[in-house]
Amino acid sequence: MRQSQEILDGLITRYPALSGCRESIWDAFEMLFACLKEGKKLVLCGNGGSCADCDHITGELLKGFCKGRPLQETEKEALRKIDLERGEMLSNKLQKGLAVVNLCANTAAMTAVANDTDANLIFAQQLMGLGKEGDVLVCICPRGSAENILNAIAAARLQRMKILGMTAWDGGKMKGLCDVLIAAPEREVYCVQEMHLPIYHALCLMLEAAFFEE
């Protein structure tokens, strides 16, 4: 875990304003690491710019971020046996990924829920099918009070999931509802989002370092 600790140290050095979030960021890392180590998955949700952040995080976790994440030799050999034509290429180009699902990306499901039942259930309804015990729901919500996020937290609790929240300085209505809450020390939404990006970049780097040591 030393490299992950060094990444967190670097984040605080670059962004001293986040020093008060250091403990919660480390707690978030430990919770996400334990989830993935147990073969569970991360499930992401957010609105607007935070929806785009969910896309961003998903991209960093599903493939190599700052490391190559090569397949193991046994996996490479298995690919060569599975497909004689493509096995060599796949074994050299495919990378190891971390299990993450972005609820913001399922537009057919979201629009169906919004049209058929209630737009504030677009994430909660998906969790009724996708959420499993031991998974972690990552909710990015600057004001901490979006109804669809609060509904998602309730649905995740029903499925015995854990909750990581990323909000503004006071946590909004999400305060007290999350297992770990990272409250960026800003009030304006765009300023909060500017703080969220380096935080989740650091978390992605910390996870990559923990799972894919050189």
N, C-alpha and C. Protein backbone atom coordinates (compact mmCIF):
# COMPACT_ATOMS: atom_id res chain seq x y z
N MET A 1 0.82 -1.21 0.00
CA MET A 1 0.00 0.00 0.00
C MET A 1 0.86 1.27 0.00
N ARG A 2 2.19 1.12 0.05
CA ARG A 2 3.04 2.30 0.15
C ARG A 2 2.86 3.23 -1.05
N GLN A 3 2.76 2.66 -2.24
CA GLN A 3 2.62 3.51 -3.41
C GLN A 3 1.29 4.27 -3.38
N SER A 4 0.24 3.63 -2.91
CA SER A 4 -1.04 4.31 -2.79
C SER A 4 -0.95 5.47 -1.79
N GLN A 5 -0.21 5.25 -0.70
CA GLN A 5 -0.02 6.31 0.29
C GLN A 5 0.76 7.48 -0.33
N GLU A 6 1.75 7.16 -1.15
CA GLU A 6 2.54 8.21 -1.80
C GLU A 6 1.69 9.01 -2.77
N ILE A 7 0.76 8.34 -3.44
CA ILE A 7 -0.13 9.05 -4.36
C ILE A 7 -1.01 10.03 -3.58
N LEU A 8 -1.51 9.60 -2.44
CA LEU A 8 -2.31 10.49 -1.61
C LEU A 8 -1.47 11.66 -1.09
N ASP A 9 -0.24 11.39 -0.69
CA ASP A 9 0.66 12.46 -0.26
C ASP A 9 0.84 13.49 -1.37
N GLY A 10 1.02 12.98 -2.61
CA GLY A 10 1.20 13.88 -3.74
C GLY A 10 -0.02 14.73 -4.01
N LEU A 11 -1.21 14.13 -3.84
CA LEU A 11 -2.45 14.89 -4.03
C LEU A 11 -2.51 16.06 -3.05
N ILE A 12 -2.22 15.81 -1.78
CA ILE A 12 -2.31 16.86 -0.76
C ILE A 12 -1.24 17.92 -1.01
N THR A 13 -0.09 17.51 -1.50
CA THR A 13 0.96 18.48 -1.83
C THR A 13 0.52 19.42 -2.94
N ARG A 14 -0.13 18.85 -3.96
CA ARG A 14 -0.58 19.68 -5.09
C ARG A 14 -1.81 20.50 -4.74
N TYR A 15 -2.66 19.96 -3.86
CA TYR A 15 -3.91 20.63 -3.50
C TYR A 15 -3.99 20.73 -1.97
N PRO A 16 -3.26 21.66 -1.36
CA PRO A 16 -3.27 21.78 0.10
C PRO A 16 -4.67 21.98 0.69
N ALA A 17 -5.57 22.56 -0.09
CA ALA A 17 -6.94 22.78 0.41
C ALA A 17 -7.63 21.47 0.75
N LEU A 18 -7.13 20.35 0.20
CA LEU A 18 -7.74 19.04 0.45
C LEU A 18 -7.16 18.34 1.68
N SER A 19 -6.30 19.00 2.41
CA SER A 19 -5.67 18.36 3.57
C SER A 19 -6.71 17.87 4.57
N GLY A 20 -7.81 18.61 4.70
CA GLY A 20 -8.86 18.20 5.63
C GLY A 20 -9.63 16.97 5.16
N CYS A 21 -9.45 16.58 3.88
CA CYS A 21 -10.14 15.40 3.32
C CYS A 21 -9.24 14.18 3.30
N ARG A 22 -8.02 14.34 3.78
CA ARG A 22 -7.05 13.26 3.66
C ARG A 22 -7.57 11.94 4.25
N GLU A 23 -8.09 11.99 5.46
CA GLU A 23 -8.55 10.78 6.12
C GLU A 23 -9.71 10.14 5.37
N SER A 24 -10.66 10.96 4.93
CA SER A 24 -11.82 10.40 4.23
C SER A 24 -11.42 9.83 2.87
N ILE A 25 -10.44 10.43 2.21
CA ILE A 25 -9.98 9.88 0.93
C ILE A 25 -9.32 8.52 1.16
N TRP A 26 -8.50 8.41 2.21
CA TRP A 26 -7.87 7.12 2.51
C TRP A 26 -8.92 6.08 2.89
N ASP A 27 -9.90 6.48 3.68
CA ASP A 27 -10.98 5.56 4.06
C ASP A 27 -11.74 5.08 2.81
N ALA A 28 -11.96 6.01 1.87
CA ALA A 28 -12.64 5.65 0.62
C ALA A 28 -11.82 4.64 -0.15
N PHE A 29 -10.52 4.88 -0.25
CA PHE A 29 -9.63 3.94 -0.94
C PHE A 29 -9.71 2.56 -0.32
N GLU A 30 -9.63 2.48 1.00
CA GLU A 30 -9.65 1.18 1.66
C GLU A 30 -10.98 0.46 1.41
N MET A 31 -12.08 1.20 1.41
CA MET A 31 -13.38 0.58 1.16
C MET A 31 -13.49 0.09 -0.28
N LEU A 32 -13.04 0.89 -1.23
CA LEU A 32 -13.09 0.48 -2.64
C LEU A 32 -12.16 -0.69 -2.90
N PHE A 33 -10.97 -0.65 -2.31
CA PHE A 33 -10.02 -1.75 -2.49
C PHE A 33 -10.59 -3.05 -1.95
N ALA A 34 -11.16 -3.01 -0.74
CA ALA A 34 -11.72 -4.22 -0.15
C ALA A 34 -12.85 -4.77 -1.00
N CYS A 35 -13.69 -3.90 -1.53
CA CYS A 35 -14.79 -4.32 -2.39
C CYS A 35 -14.28 -5.07 -3.61
N LEU A 36 -13.33 -4.47 -4.31
CA LEU A 36 -12.81 -5.07 -5.54
C LEU A 36 -12.00 -6.32 -5.25
N LYS A 37 -11.30 -6.33 -4.14
CA LYS A 37 -10.50 -7.50 -3.75
C LYS A 37 -11.39 -8.70 -3.51
N GLU A 38 -12.60 -8.46 -3.03
CA GLU A 38 -13.54 -9.54 -2.76
C GLU A 38 -14.33 -9.96 -4.00
N GLY A 39 -13.98 -9.40 -5.16
CA GLY A 39 -14.66 -9.77 -6.39
C GLY A 39 -15.99 -9.05 -6.60
N LYS A 40 -16.22 -8.00 -5.83
CA LYS A 40 -17.44 -7.21 -5.98
C LYS A 40 -17.16 -6.06 -6.96
N LYS A 41 -18.13 -5.15 -7.11
CA LYS A 41 -17.97 -4.08 -8.10
C LYS A 41 -18.33 -2.72 -7.53
N LEU A 42 -17.87 -1.70 -8.23
CA LEU A 42 -18.22 -0.32 -7.93
C LEU A 42 -19.34 0.10 -8.87
N VAL A 43 -20.32 0.81 -8.34
CA VAL A 43 -21.46 1.28 -9.13
C VAL A 43 -21.53 2.80 -8.95
N LEU A 44 -21.53 3.53 -10.06
CA LEU A 44 -21.41 4.98 -10.01
C LEU A 44 -22.69 5.68 -10.44
N CYS A 45 -22.97 6.84 -9.83
CA CYS A 45 -24.09 7.66 -10.29
C CYS A 45 -23.84 9.13 -9.94
N GLY A 46 -24.42 10.00 -10.76
CA GLY A 46 -24.29 11.44 -10.56
C GLY A 46 -25.09 12.16 -11.63
N ASN A 47 -25.29 13.45 -11.46
CA ASN A 47 -26.08 14.24 -12.40
C ASN A 47 -25.21 15.30 -13.07
N GLY A 48 -25.55 15.65 -14.31
CA GLY A 48 -24.87 16.74 -15.00
C GLY A 48 -23.37 16.52 -15.11
N GLY A 49 -22.60 17.49 -14.61
CA GLY A 49 -21.16 17.35 -14.64
C GLY A 49 -20.68 16.15 -13.87
N SER A 50 -21.39 15.80 -12.81
CA SER A 50 -21.01 14.62 -12.03
C SER A 50 -21.31 13.33 -12.78
N CYS A 51 -22.28 13.38 -13.68
CA CYS A 51 -22.54 12.24 -14.58
C CYS A 51 -21.32 12.04 -15.48
N ALA A 52 -20.77 13.16 -15.99
CA ALA A 52 -19.56 13.08 -16.81
C ALA A 52 -18.39 12.55 -15.99
N ASP A 53 -18.33 12.92 -14.70
CA ASP A 53 -17.29 12.40 -13.83
C ASP A 53 -17.39 10.87 -13.71
N CYS A 54 -18.62 10.36 -13.67
CA CYS A 54 -18.81 8.90 -13.61
C CYS A 54 -18.25 8.23 -14.86
N ASP A 55 -18.48 8.84 -16.00
CA ASP A 55 -17.88 8.33 -17.25
C ASP A 55 -16.37 8.34 -17.15
N HIS A 56 -15.84 9.44 -16.62
CA HIS A 56 -14.38 9.61 -16.51
C HIS A 56 -13.78 8.52 -15.62
N ILE A 57 -14.36 8.32 -14.47
CA ILE A 57 -13.87 7.30 -13.54
C ILE A 57 -13.93 5.91 -14.17
N THR A 58 -15.04 5.63 -14.84
CA THR A 58 -15.20 4.33 -15.48
C THR A 58 -14.08 4.07 -16.48
N GLY A 59 -13.75 5.10 -17.27
CA GLY A 59 -12.67 4.96 -18.25
C GLY A 59 -11.32 4.69 -17.60
N GLU A 60 -11.07 5.29 -16.44
CA GLU A 60 -9.79 5.10 -15.78
C GLU A 60 -9.66 3.71 -15.16
N LEU A 61 -10.78 3.12 -14.77
CA LEU A 61 -10.73 1.84 -14.07
C LEU A 61 -10.82 0.62 -14.98
N LEU A 62 -11.54 0.76 -16.09
CA LEU A 62 -11.76 -0.40 -16.95
C LEU A 62 -10.53 -0.78 -17.78
N LYS A 63 -9.56 0.13 -17.89
CA LYS A 63 -8.34 -0.15 -18.63
C LYS A 63 -7.17 0.51 -17.91
N GLY A 64 -5.98 0.37 -18.47
CA GLY A 64 -4.82 0.97 -17.85
C GLY A 64 -4.96 2.48 -17.75
N PHE A 65 -4.59 3.02 -16.60
CA PHE A 65 -4.62 4.46 -16.38
C PHE A 65 -3.19 4.99 -16.56
N CYS A 66 -2.33 4.71 -15.59
CA CYS A 66 -0.92 5.08 -15.72
C CYS A 66 -0.01 3.86 -15.76
N LYS A 67 -0.60 2.67 -15.70
CA LYS A 67 0.16 1.43 -15.81
C LYS A 67 -0.40 0.58 -16.94
N GLY A 68 0.44 -0.30 -17.46
CA GLY A 68 0.02 -1.11 -18.61
C GLY A 68 -0.98 -2.21 -18.27
N ARG A 69 -0.93 -2.74 -17.06
CA ARG A 69 -1.83 -3.80 -16.60
C ARG A 69 -1.85 -5.01 -17.53
N PRO A 70 -0.70 -5.59 -17.88
CA PRO A 70 -0.69 -6.73 -18.80
C PRO A 70 -1.37 -7.96 -18.22
N LEU A 71 -1.86 -8.81 -19.10
CA LEU A 71 -2.45 -10.07 -18.68
C LEU A 71 -1.38 -10.99 -18.12
N GLN A 72 -1.80 -11.95 -17.30
CA GLN A 72 -0.88 -12.96 -16.81
C GLN A 72 -0.55 -13.92 -17.95
N GLU A 73 0.58 -14.60 -17.83
CA GLU A 73 1.01 -15.51 -18.90
C GLU A 73 -0.01 -16.62 -19.11
N THR A 74 -0.65 -17.09 -18.02
CA THR A 74 -1.65 -18.14 -18.16
C THR A 74 -2.85 -17.64 -18.96
N GLU A 75 -3.21 -16.37 -18.77
CA GLU A 75 -4.32 -15.78 -19.51
C GLU A 75 -3.95 -15.61 -20.98
N LYS A 76 -2.72 -15.21 -21.23
CA LYS A 76 -2.27 -15.05 -22.61
C LYS A 76 -2.30 -16.39 -23.35
N GLU A 77 -1.83 -17.41 -22.68
CA GLU A 77 -1.81 -18.74 -23.30
C GLU A 77 -3.23 -19.23 -23.56
N ALA A 78 -4.13 -18.95 -22.62
CA ALA A 78 -5.52 -19.35 -22.81
C ALA A 78 -6.14 -18.64 -24.00
N LEU A 79 -5.83 -17.38 -24.20
CA LEU A 79 -6.36 -16.64 -25.35
C LEU A 79 -5.85 -17.22 -26.66
N ARG A 80 -4.59 -17.63 -26.67
CA ARG A 80 -4.02 -18.21 -27.89
C ARG A 80 -4.73 -19.52 -28.24
N LYS A 81 -5.15 -20.25 -27.22
CA LYS A 81 -5.87 -21.50 -27.46
C LYS A 81 -7.32 -21.25 -27.86
N ILE A 82 -7.92 -20.18 -27.31
CA ILE A 82 -9.31 -19.85 -27.63
C ILE A 82 -9.46 -19.44 -29.08
N ASP A 83 -8.51 -18.64 -29.58
CA ASP A 83 -8.62 -18.12 -30.95
C ASP A 83 -7.23 -18.10 -31.57
N LEU A 84 -6.97 -19.05 -32.44
CA LEU A 84 -5.65 -19.15 -33.04
C LEU A 84 -5.30 -17.93 -33.89
N GLU A 85 -6.33 -17.32 -34.49
CA GLU A 85 -6.10 -16.18 -35.37
C GLU A 85 -5.85 -14.88 -34.59
N ARG A 86 -6.64 -14.66 -33.56
CA ARG A 86 -6.57 -13.39 -32.83
C ARG A 86 -5.88 -13.50 -31.47
N GLY A 87 -5.63 -14.70 -31.01
CA GLY A 87 -5.12 -14.89 -29.66
C GLY A 87 -3.85 -14.14 -29.35
N GLU A 88 -2.90 -14.15 -30.27
CA GLU A 88 -1.62 -13.48 -30.03
C GLU A 88 -1.82 -11.97 -29.89
N MET A 89 -2.62 -11.39 -30.80
CA MET A 89 -2.89 -9.95 -30.74
C MET A 89 -3.61 -9.58 -29.46
N LEU A 90 -4.65 -10.34 -29.10
CA LEU A 90 -5.41 -10.06 -27.89
C LEU A 90 -4.56 -10.19 -26.64
N SER A 91 -3.72 -11.20 -26.61
CA SER A 91 -2.91 -11.43 -25.42
C SER A 91 -1.91 -10.30 -25.19
N ASN A 92 -1.53 -9.60 -26.24
CA ASN A 92 -0.58 -8.50 -26.12
C ASN A 92 -1.24 -7.14 -25.92
N LYS A 93 -2.50 -7.01 -26.35
CA LYS A 93 -3.15 -5.69 -26.30
C LYS A 93 -4.19 -5.54 -25.20
N LEU A 94 -4.84 -6.62 -24.81
CA LEU A 94 -5.84 -6.51 -23.75
C LEU A 94 -5.17 -6.19 -22.42
N GLN A 95 -5.86 -5.42 -21.59
CA GLN A 95 -5.35 -5.03 -20.28
C GLN A 95 -6.29 -5.52 -19.18
N LYS A 96 -5.77 -5.67 -17.98
CA LYS A 96 -6.60 -6.03 -16.85
C LYS A 96 -7.47 -4.83 -16.47
N GLY A 97 -8.70 -5.09 -16.05
CA GLY A 97 -9.60 -4.02 -15.66
C GLY A 97 -10.13 -4.22 -14.25
N LEU A 98 -10.73 -3.18 -13.72
CA LEU A 98 -11.39 -3.24 -12.42
C LEU A 98 -12.89 -3.12 -12.63
N ALA A 99 -13.66 -3.85 -11.84
CA ALA A 99 -15.10 -3.97 -12.07
C ALA A 99 -15.84 -2.69 -11.66
N VAL A 100 -16.41 -2.00 -12.63
CA VAL A 100 -17.14 -0.77 -12.38
C VAL A 100 -18.31 -0.67 -13.34
N VAL A 101 -19.46 -0.21 -12.84
CA VAL A 101 -20.67 -0.03 -13.64
C VAL A 101 -21.12 1.41 -13.49
N ASN A 102 -21.36 2.08 -14.60
CA ASN A 102 -21.81 3.47 -14.60
C ASN A 102 -23.31 3.53 -14.87
N LEU A 103 -24.10 3.81 -13.84
CA LEU A 103 -25.55 3.86 -14.01
C LEU A 103 -25.99 4.99 -14.93
N CYS A 104 -25.15 5.99 -15.11
CA CYS A 104 -25.49 7.13 -15.97
C CYS A 104 -25.47 6.77 -17.45
N ALA A 105 -24.84 5.64 -17.79
CA ALA A 105 -24.66 5.28 -19.19
C ALA A 105 -25.82 4.48 -19.77
N ASN A 106 -26.72 4.01 -18.93
CA ASN A 106 -27.80 3.13 -19.41
C ASN A 106 -29.03 3.96 -19.80
N THR A 107 -28.92 4.63 -20.95
CA THR A 107 -29.95 5.60 -21.32
C THR A 107 -31.31 4.96 -21.58
N ALA A 108 -31.33 3.76 -22.15
CA ALA A 108 -32.62 3.12 -22.39
C ALA A 108 -33.34 2.84 -21.08
N ALA A 109 -32.60 2.31 -20.11
CA ALA A 109 -33.21 2.03 -18.80
C ALA A 109 -33.65 3.31 -18.11
N MET A 110 -32.81 4.33 -18.15
CA MET A 110 -33.14 5.59 -17.47
C MET A 110 -34.38 6.25 -18.07
N THR A 111 -34.46 6.29 -19.39
CA THR A 111 -35.61 6.93 -20.01
C THR A 111 -36.88 6.11 -19.82
N ALA A 112 -36.74 4.79 -19.77
CA ALA A 112 -37.91 3.95 -19.51
C ALA A 112 -38.44 4.20 -18.10
N VAL A 113 -37.54 4.27 -17.13
CA VAL A 113 -37.96 4.53 -15.75
C VAL A 113 -38.60 5.90 -15.65
N ALA A 114 -37.97 6.91 -16.27
CA ALA A 114 -38.50 8.27 -16.21
C ALA A 114 -39.88 8.36 -16.83
N ASN A 115 -40.09 7.63 -17.91
CA ASN A 115 -41.36 7.68 -18.62
C ASN A 115 -42.44 6.84 -17.94
N ASP A 116 -42.05 5.69 -17.41
CA ASP A 116 -43.04 4.74 -16.90
C ASP A 116 -43.37 4.91 -15.42
N THR A 117 -42.39 5.37 -14.64
CA THR A 117 -42.64 5.46 -13.20
C THR A 117 -42.32 6.85 -12.67
N ASP A 118 -41.02 7.14 -12.43
CA ASP A 118 -40.63 8.40 -11.78
C ASP A 118 -39.19 8.70 -12.15
N ALA A 119 -38.93 9.89 -12.68
CA ALA A 119 -37.58 10.25 -13.10
C ALA A 119 -36.59 10.23 -11.94
N ASN A 120 -37.07 10.39 -10.72
CA ASN A 120 -36.17 10.37 -9.58
C ASN A 120 -35.76 8.96 -9.17
N LEU A 121 -36.23 7.96 -9.93
CA LEU A 121 -35.87 6.57 -9.65
C LEU A 121 -34.90 6.00 -10.68
N ILE A 122 -34.32 6.86 -11.54
CA ILE A 122 -33.49 6.35 -12.65
C ILE A 122 -32.29 5.54 -12.16
N PHE A 123 -31.74 5.87 -11.01
CA PHE A 123 -30.62 5.11 -10.46
C PHE A 123 -31.11 4.01 -9.52
N ALA A 124 -32.08 4.32 -8.69
CA ALA A 124 -32.57 3.35 -7.72
C ALA A 124 -33.10 2.10 -8.41
N GLN A 125 -33.85 2.27 -9.50
CA GLN A 125 -34.42 1.11 -10.19
C GLN A 125 -33.33 0.22 -10.77
N GLN A 126 -32.29 0.83 -11.33
CA GLN A 126 -31.19 0.03 -11.87
C GLN A 126 -30.51 -0.79 -10.77
N LEU A 127 -30.42 -0.21 -9.59
CA LEU A 127 -29.78 -0.92 -8.48
C LEU A 127 -30.57 -2.14 -8.05
N MET A 128 -31.87 -2.15 -8.32
CA MET A 128 -32.68 -3.32 -7.98
C MET A 128 -32.26 -4.54 -8.79
N GLY A 129 -31.62 -4.31 -9.94
CA GLY A 129 -31.13 -5.42 -10.74
C GLY A 129 -29.62 -5.60 -10.68
N LEU A 130 -28.91 -4.48 -10.53
CA LEU A 130 -27.45 -4.53 -10.62
C LEU A 130 -26.75 -4.56 -9.27
N GLY A 131 -27.37 -4.01 -8.24
CA GLY A 131 -26.72 -3.93 -6.94
C GLY A 131 -26.70 -5.27 -6.22
N LYS A 132 -25.53 -5.62 -5.68
CA LYS A 132 -25.38 -6.87 -4.94
C LYS A 132 -24.68 -6.58 -3.61
N GLU A 133 -24.93 -7.43 -2.63
CA GLU A 133 -24.30 -7.27 -1.33
C GLU A 133 -22.79 -7.21 -1.47
N GLY A 134 -22.19 -6.24 -0.83
CA GLY A 134 -20.73 -6.09 -0.89
C GLY A 134 -20.26 -5.11 -1.94
N ASP A 135 -21.12 -4.77 -2.91
CA ASP A 135 -20.77 -3.74 -3.89
C ASP A 135 -20.70 -2.39 -3.19
N VAL A 136 -20.06 -1.42 -3.84
CA VAL A 136 -20.02 -0.05 -3.32
C VAL A 136 -20.69 0.88 -4.32
N LEU A 137 -21.65 1.67 -3.84
CA LEU A 137 -22.27 2.71 -4.64
C LEU A 137 -21.48 3.99 -4.44
N VAL A 138 -21.00 4.56 -5.53
CA VAL A 138 -20.27 5.83 -5.49
C VAL A 138 -21.19 6.92 -6.00
N CYS A 139 -21.59 7.82 -5.12
CA CYS A 139 -22.52 8.90 -5.46
C CYS A 139 -21.77 10.22 -5.50
N ILE A 140 -21.76 10.85 -6.67
CA ILE A 140 -21.10 12.15 -6.81
C ILE A 140 -22.19 13.21 -6.92
N CYS A 141 -22.27 14.08 -5.92
CA CYS A 141 -23.38 15.03 -5.85
C CYS A 141 -22.92 16.27 -5.09
N PRO A 142 -22.50 17.33 -5.80
CA PRO A 142 -21.94 18.50 -5.13
C PRO A 142 -22.80 19.06 -4.01
N ARG A 143 -24.10 19.21 -4.21
CA ARG A 143 -24.95 19.76 -3.17
C ARG A 143 -25.37 18.71 -2.14
N GLY A 144 -25.24 17.43 -2.51
CA GLY A 144 -25.58 16.37 -1.58
C GLY A 144 -27.06 16.20 -1.31
N SER A 145 -27.90 16.72 -2.21
CA SER A 145 -29.33 16.71 -1.94
C SER A 145 -30.20 16.29 -3.13
N ALA A 146 -29.61 15.78 -4.19
CA ALA A 146 -30.38 15.38 -5.36
C ALA A 146 -31.28 14.19 -5.01
N GLU A 147 -32.56 14.30 -5.35
CA GLU A 147 -33.51 13.25 -4.98
C GLU A 147 -33.16 11.91 -5.59
N ASN A 148 -32.71 11.90 -6.85
CA ASN A 148 -32.40 10.61 -7.47
C ASN A 148 -31.19 9.94 -6.81
N ILE A 149 -30.28 10.75 -6.26
CA ILE A 149 -29.13 10.19 -5.54
C ILE A 149 -29.57 9.65 -4.18
N LEU A 150 -30.40 10.40 -3.48
CA LEU A 150 -30.90 9.94 -2.17
C LEU A 150 -31.71 8.66 -2.32
N ASN A 151 -32.50 8.56 -3.40
CA ASN A 151 -33.25 7.33 -3.66
C ASN A 151 -32.31 6.18 -3.97
N ALA A 152 -31.23 6.48 -4.69
CA ALA A 152 -30.25 5.44 -5.01
C ALA A 152 -29.59 4.91 -3.74
N ILE A 153 -29.30 5.79 -2.80
CA ILE A 153 -28.69 5.36 -1.54
C ILE A 153 -29.62 4.41 -0.80
N ALA A 154 -30.91 4.75 -0.77
CA ALA A 154 -31.87 3.88 -0.09
C ALA A 154 -31.94 2.51 -0.75
N ALA A 155 -31.98 2.49 -2.09
CA ALA A 155 -32.03 1.22 -2.81
C ALA A 155 -30.76 0.41 -2.59
N ALA A 156 -29.62 1.10 -2.54
CA ALA A 156 -28.34 0.42 -2.30
C ALA A 156 -28.31 -0.20 -0.90
N ARG A 157 -28.85 0.50 0.08
CA ARG A 157 -28.91 -0.05 1.43
C ARG A 157 -29.79 -1.31 1.46
N LEU A 158 -30.87 -1.28 0.69
CA LEU A 158 -31.74 -2.46 0.61
C LEU A 158 -30.96 -3.66 0.09
N GLN A 159 -30.03 -3.41 -0.83
CA GLN A 159 -29.22 -4.48 -1.42
C GLN A 159 -27.96 -4.77 -0.61
N ARG A 160 -27.83 -4.14 0.57
CA ARG A 160 -26.69 -4.35 1.45
C ARG A 160 -25.37 -3.91 0.81
N MET A 161 -25.45 -2.84 0.05
CA MET A 161 -24.26 -2.23 -0.52
C MET A 161 -23.69 -1.21 0.46
N LYS A 162 -22.43 -0.84 0.26
CA LYS A 162 -21.83 0.25 0.99
C LYS A 162 -21.88 1.52 0.13
N ILE A 163 -21.73 2.67 0.77
CA ILE A 163 -21.92 3.94 0.08
C ILE A 163 -20.71 4.84 0.25
N LEU A 164 -20.18 5.33 -0.87
CA LEU A 164 -19.19 6.40 -0.87
C LEU A 164 -19.83 7.63 -1.48
N GLY A 165 -19.85 8.72 -0.74
CA GLY A 165 -20.40 9.97 -1.24
C GLY A 165 -19.31 10.99 -1.49
N MET A 166 -19.46 11.77 -2.55
CA MET A 166 -18.58 12.90 -2.83
C MET A 166 -19.47 14.13 -2.97
N THR A 167 -19.29 15.09 -2.06
CA THR A 167 -20.18 16.24 -1.99
C THR A 167 -19.37 17.52 -1.79
N ALA A 168 -20.07 18.59 -1.39
CA ALA A 168 -19.44 19.85 -1.02
C ALA A 168 -19.11 19.83 0.48
N TRP A 169 -18.73 20.95 0.98
CA TRP A 169 -18.17 21.07 2.33
C TRP A 169 -19.08 20.55 3.44
N ASP A 170 -20.42 20.71 3.31
CA ASP A 170 -21.30 20.34 4.42
C ASP A 170 -21.99 18.99 4.23
N GLY A 171 -21.84 18.38 3.06
CA GLY A 171 -22.42 17.06 2.81
C GLY A 171 -23.88 17.04 2.43
N GLY A 172 -24.60 18.16 2.64
CA GLY A 172 -26.02 18.20 2.29
C GLY A 172 -26.80 17.11 3.01
N LYS A 173 -27.84 16.63 2.36
CA LYS A 173 -28.67 15.58 2.93
C LYS A 173 -27.97 14.22 2.95
N MET A 174 -26.87 14.10 2.20
CA MET A 174 -26.14 12.83 2.16
C MET A 174 -25.32 12.62 3.43
N LYS A 175 -25.07 13.68 4.17
CA LYS A 175 -24.28 13.55 5.39
C LYS A 175 -25.01 12.61 6.36
N GLY A 176 -24.30 11.62 6.82
CA GLY A 176 -24.89 10.65 7.72
C GLY A 176 -25.49 9.45 7.01
N LEU A 177 -25.61 9.51 5.68
CA LEU A 177 -26.18 8.39 4.91
C LEU A 177 -25.10 7.53 4.26
N CYS A 178 -23.86 8.00 4.29
CA CYS A 178 -22.77 7.31 3.58
C CYS A 178 -21.82 6.65 4.56
N ASP A 179 -21.24 5.52 4.14
CA ASP A 179 -20.21 4.89 4.96
C ASP A 179 -18.96 5.75 4.99
N VAL A 180 -18.65 6.35 3.86
CA VAL A 180 -17.54 7.31 3.77
C VAL A 180 -18.04 8.51 2.97
N LEU A 181 -17.79 9.71 3.46
CA LEU A 181 -18.18 10.93 2.77
C LEU A 181 -16.94 11.80 2.57
N ILE A 182 -16.64 12.10 1.30
CA ILE A 182 -15.57 13.04 0.99
C ILE A 182 -16.22 14.38 0.67
N ALA A 183 -16.07 15.33 1.57
CA ALA A 183 -16.71 16.63 1.44
C ALA A 183 -15.68 17.66 1.00
N ALA A 184 -15.68 17.98 -0.30
CA ALA A 184 -14.72 18.95 -0.83
C ALA A 184 -14.93 20.31 -0.17
N PRO A 185 -13.85 21.00 0.20
CA PRO A 185 -13.96 22.25 0.96
C PRO A 185 -14.31 23.44 0.07
N GLU A 186 -15.42 23.35 -0.63
CA GLU A 186 -15.92 24.42 -1.49
C GLU A 186 -17.43 24.48 -1.36
N ARG A 187 -18.02 25.61 -1.80
CA ARG A 187 -19.47 25.80 -1.74
C ARG A 187 -20.11 25.88 -3.12
N GLU A 188 -19.50 26.63 -4.04
CA GLU A 188 -20.03 26.74 -5.40
C GLU A 188 -19.87 25.41 -6.12
N VAL A 189 -20.92 25.02 -6.86
CA VAL A 189 -20.91 23.70 -7.50
C VAL A 189 -19.70 23.52 -8.41
N TYR A 190 -19.39 24.51 -9.24
CA TYR A 190 -18.28 24.33 -10.17
C TYR A 190 -16.95 24.22 -9.44
N CYS A 191 -16.83 24.89 -8.30
CA CYS A 191 -15.61 24.78 -7.50
C CYS A 191 -15.51 23.40 -6.85
N VAL A 192 -16.65 22.89 -6.40
CA VAL A 192 -16.68 21.53 -5.83
C VAL A 192 -16.25 20.52 -6.89
N GLN A 193 -16.78 20.67 -8.10
CA GLN A 193 -16.43 19.74 -9.17
C GLN A 193 -14.95 19.81 -9.51
N GLU A 194 -14.37 21.01 -9.42
CA GLU A 194 -12.94 21.15 -9.67
C GLU A 194 -12.12 20.41 -8.62
N MET A 195 -12.64 20.29 -7.41
CA MET A 195 -11.97 19.52 -6.37
C MET A 195 -12.22 18.02 -6.52
N HIS A 196 -13.40 17.65 -6.99
CA HIS A 196 -13.72 16.23 -7.13
C HIS A 196 -12.78 15.55 -8.12
N LEU A 197 -12.44 16.23 -9.20
CA LEU A 197 -11.62 15.58 -10.23
C LEU A 197 -10.27 15.09 -9.70
N PRO A 198 -9.46 15.93 -9.06
CA PRO A 198 -8.20 15.40 -8.53
C PRO A 198 -8.39 14.34 -7.46
N ILE A 199 -9.50 14.43 -6.72
CA ILE A 199 -9.76 13.41 -5.70
C ILE A 199 -10.00 12.05 -6.35
N TYR A 200 -10.88 12.00 -7.36
CA TYR A 200 -11.15 10.68 -7.93
C TYR A 200 -10.01 10.21 -8.83
N HIS A 201 -9.25 11.14 -9.41
CA HIS A 201 -8.05 10.72 -10.12
C HIS A 201 -7.10 10.02 -9.16
N ALA A 202 -6.92 10.61 -7.97
CA ALA A 202 -6.04 9.99 -6.98
C ALA A 202 -6.56 8.63 -6.56
N LEU A 203 -7.86 8.50 -6.33
CA LEU A 203 -8.42 7.21 -5.94
C LEU A 203 -8.19 6.16 -7.03
N CYS A 204 -8.37 6.55 -8.29
CA CYS A 204 -8.13 5.61 -9.39
C CYS A 204 -6.66 5.19 -9.43
N LEU A 205 -5.76 6.15 -9.24
CA LEU A 205 -4.33 5.84 -9.23
C LEU A 205 -3.97 4.94 -8.05
N MET A 206 -4.57 5.22 -6.90
CA MET A 206 -4.30 4.43 -5.71
C MET A 206 -4.76 2.99 -5.89
N LEU A 207 -5.92 2.81 -6.49
CA LEU A 207 -6.42 1.46 -6.75
C LEU A 207 -5.55 0.74 -7.76
N GLU A 208 -5.16 1.44 -8.81
CA GLU A 208 -4.30 0.83 -9.82
C GLU A 208 -2.98 0.40 -9.21
N ALA A 209 -2.42 1.26 -8.36
CA ALA A 209 -1.15 0.92 -7.71
C ALA A 209 -1.29 -0.31 -6.81
N ALA A 210 -2.43 -0.41 -6.13
CA ALA A 210 -2.65 -1.52 -5.21
C ALA A 210 -2.85 -2.85 -5.93
N PHE A 211 -3.52 -2.81 -7.07
CA PHE A 211 -3.85 -4.05 -7.78
C PHE A 211 -2.83 -4.44 -8.84
N PHE A 212 -2.12 -3.48 -9.36
CA PHE A 212 -1.23 -3.77 -10.49
C PHE A 212 0.16 -3.24 -10.23
N GLU A 213 0.81 -3.76 -9.21
CA GLU A 213 2.17 -3.36 -8.91
C GLU A 213 3.09 -3.81 -10.03
N GLU A 214 4.05 -2.93 -10.34
CA GLU A 214 4.98 -3.25 -11.43
C GLU A 214 5.79 -4.48 -11.05
